[in-house]
Protein backbone atom coordinates (compact mmCIF):
# COMPACT_ATOMS: atom_id res chain seq x y z
CA MET A 1 -5.04 -19.78 40.22
CA ALA A 2 -8.08 -17.62 40.81
CA LYS A 3 -11.75 -18.68 41.15
CA MET A 4 -15.19 -17.13 40.84
CA ILE A 5 -17.31 -19.03 43.21
CA VAL A 6 -21.16 -18.43 42.96
CA MET A 7 -23.33 -19.73 45.76
CA TYR A 8 -27.05 -20.00 45.15
CA GLU A 9 -29.57 -20.53 48.12
CA THR A 10 -32.58 -22.70 47.49
CA PRO A 11 -34.78 -21.20 44.76
CA LYS A 12 -38.41 -20.34 45.30
CA ASP A 13 -38.93 -22.00 41.84
CA LYS A 14 -36.55 -25.00 41.67
CA GLU A 15 -37.92 -26.31 38.38
CA GLY A 16 -37.73 -22.97 36.68
CA PHE A 17 -34.29 -22.21 38.15
CA GLU A 18 -32.88 -25.55 36.98
CA ASP A 19 -34.37 -25.20 33.52
CA TYR A 20 -33.14 -21.63 33.02
CA TYR A 21 -29.78 -22.21 34.80
CA PHE A 22 -28.63 -25.24 32.93
CA ASN A 23 -30.28 -24.57 29.54
CA ILE A 24 -29.69 -20.85 29.15
CA HIS A 25 -27.26 -19.47 31.71
CA ILE A 26 -24.50 -22.17 31.63
CA PRO A 27 -24.23 -22.13 27.82
CA ILE A 28 -23.43 -18.46 28.10
CA VAL A 29 -20.91 -19.01 30.74
CA GLU A 30 -19.31 -21.71 28.77
CA ARG A 31 -18.39 -19.10 26.16
CA LEU A 32 -16.17 -17.18 28.65
CA GLN A 33 -12.54 -16.77 27.69
CA ASN A 34 -9.57 -17.73 29.87
CA VAL A 35 -11.47 -20.51 31.74
CA LYS A 36 -9.14 -23.21 33.02
CA GLY A 37 -11.75 -25.32 34.57
CA SER A 38 -15.30 -25.32 36.07
CA SER A 39 -17.62 -27.27 38.36
CA ILE A 40 -21.19 -27.12 39.59
CA ASN A 41 -22.01 -28.87 42.88
CA ARG A 42 -25.32 -29.44 44.55
CA VAL A 43 -25.13 -28.70 48.29
CA VAL A 44 -26.25 -31.67 50.42
CA ASN A 45 -25.40 -30.25 53.84
CA VAL A 46 -24.46 -26.84 55.41
CA GLN A 47 -22.94 -26.57 58.80
CA ASN A 48 -22.23 -23.38 60.94
CA SER A 49 -24.40 -21.22 58.71
CA ASP A 50 -27.99 -20.10 58.39
CA LEU A 51 -27.61 -20.02 54.64
CA ASN A 52 -29.88 -22.42 52.81
CA LEU A 53 -27.35 -23.24 50.14
CA TYR A 54 -28.44 -25.17 47.06
CA LEU A 55 -25.90 -24.96 44.32
CA ILE A 56 -22.21 -23.79 44.15
CA ALA A 57 -20.50 -23.09 40.80
CA GLU A 58 -16.71 -22.50 40.56
CA ILE A 59 -14.92 -21.16 37.49
CA GLU A 60 -11.12 -21.36 37.53
CA PHE A 61 -8.80 -18.92 35.84
CA GLU A 62 -4.96 -18.72 35.70
CA ASN A 63 -4.96 -15.52 37.78
CA VAL A 64 -7.14 -12.70 38.85
CA GLU A 65 -6.14 -10.60 35.86
CA ALA A 66 -7.45 -13.27 33.48
CA LEU A 67 -10.69 -13.50 35.51
CA GLN A 68 -11.16 -9.81 35.34
CA GLU A 69 -10.38 -9.73 31.58
CA ALA A 70 -13.04 -12.43 31.09
CA LEU A 71 -15.64 -10.53 33.10
CA ARG A 72 -14.88 -7.28 31.05
CA SER A 73 -15.45 -8.92 27.80
CA GLU A 74 -18.69 -8.91 25.85
CA VAL A 75 -19.55 -12.54 27.01
CA GLY A 76 -18.53 -11.52 30.52
CA ARG A 77 -20.96 -8.67 30.49
CA GLU A 78 -23.58 -10.94 29.06
CA VAL A 79 -23.04 -13.43 31.92
CA THR A 80 -23.31 -10.77 34.66
CA GLY A 81 -26.31 -9.18 32.98
CA ASP A 82 -28.17 -12.41 32.89
CA LEU A 83 -28.57 -12.23 36.61
CA LYS A 84 -31.82 -10.23 36.07
CA ASN A 85 -33.23 -13.26 34.18
CA ILE A 86 -32.25 -15.69 37.02
CA MET A 87 -33.59 -13.54 39.82
CA PRO A 88 -37.36 -14.31 39.25
CA PHE A 89 -36.48 -17.83 40.36
CA LEU A 90 -34.68 -16.92 43.47
CA GLU A 91 -35.49 -15.22 46.84
CA LYS A 92 -32.05 -13.47 46.95
CA PRO A 93 -29.25 -12.74 44.58
CA PRO A 94 -26.45 -15.40 44.61
CA ILE A 95 -23.34 -14.85 46.65
CA VAL A 96 -20.36 -14.28 44.36
CA THR A 97 -16.76 -14.43 45.67
CA ILE A 98 -13.50 -14.17 43.93
CA THR A 99 -10.58 -16.16 45.39
CA GLN A 100 -6.89 -16.39 44.79
């Protein structure tokens, strides 16, 4: 199992972020191939960190190769390219991790 975990800090424009993220970005992400599961979690508490986390999204794949294949696809490039459209709502880019 491999996961892409994307962590967003509190947006400077919460309403704009929520609208764009859930109505535009997530429908693009939902078209990714090879996805085994996904979740979006709102952060209610952060300990031992100065990060002001707001939202954490996880996308599960069978393995790292399937994840990489999905990201190399046309839809994968559309997902990663959409970051420029999310950035006006954020102070900093999201933190992206790949786990196995």
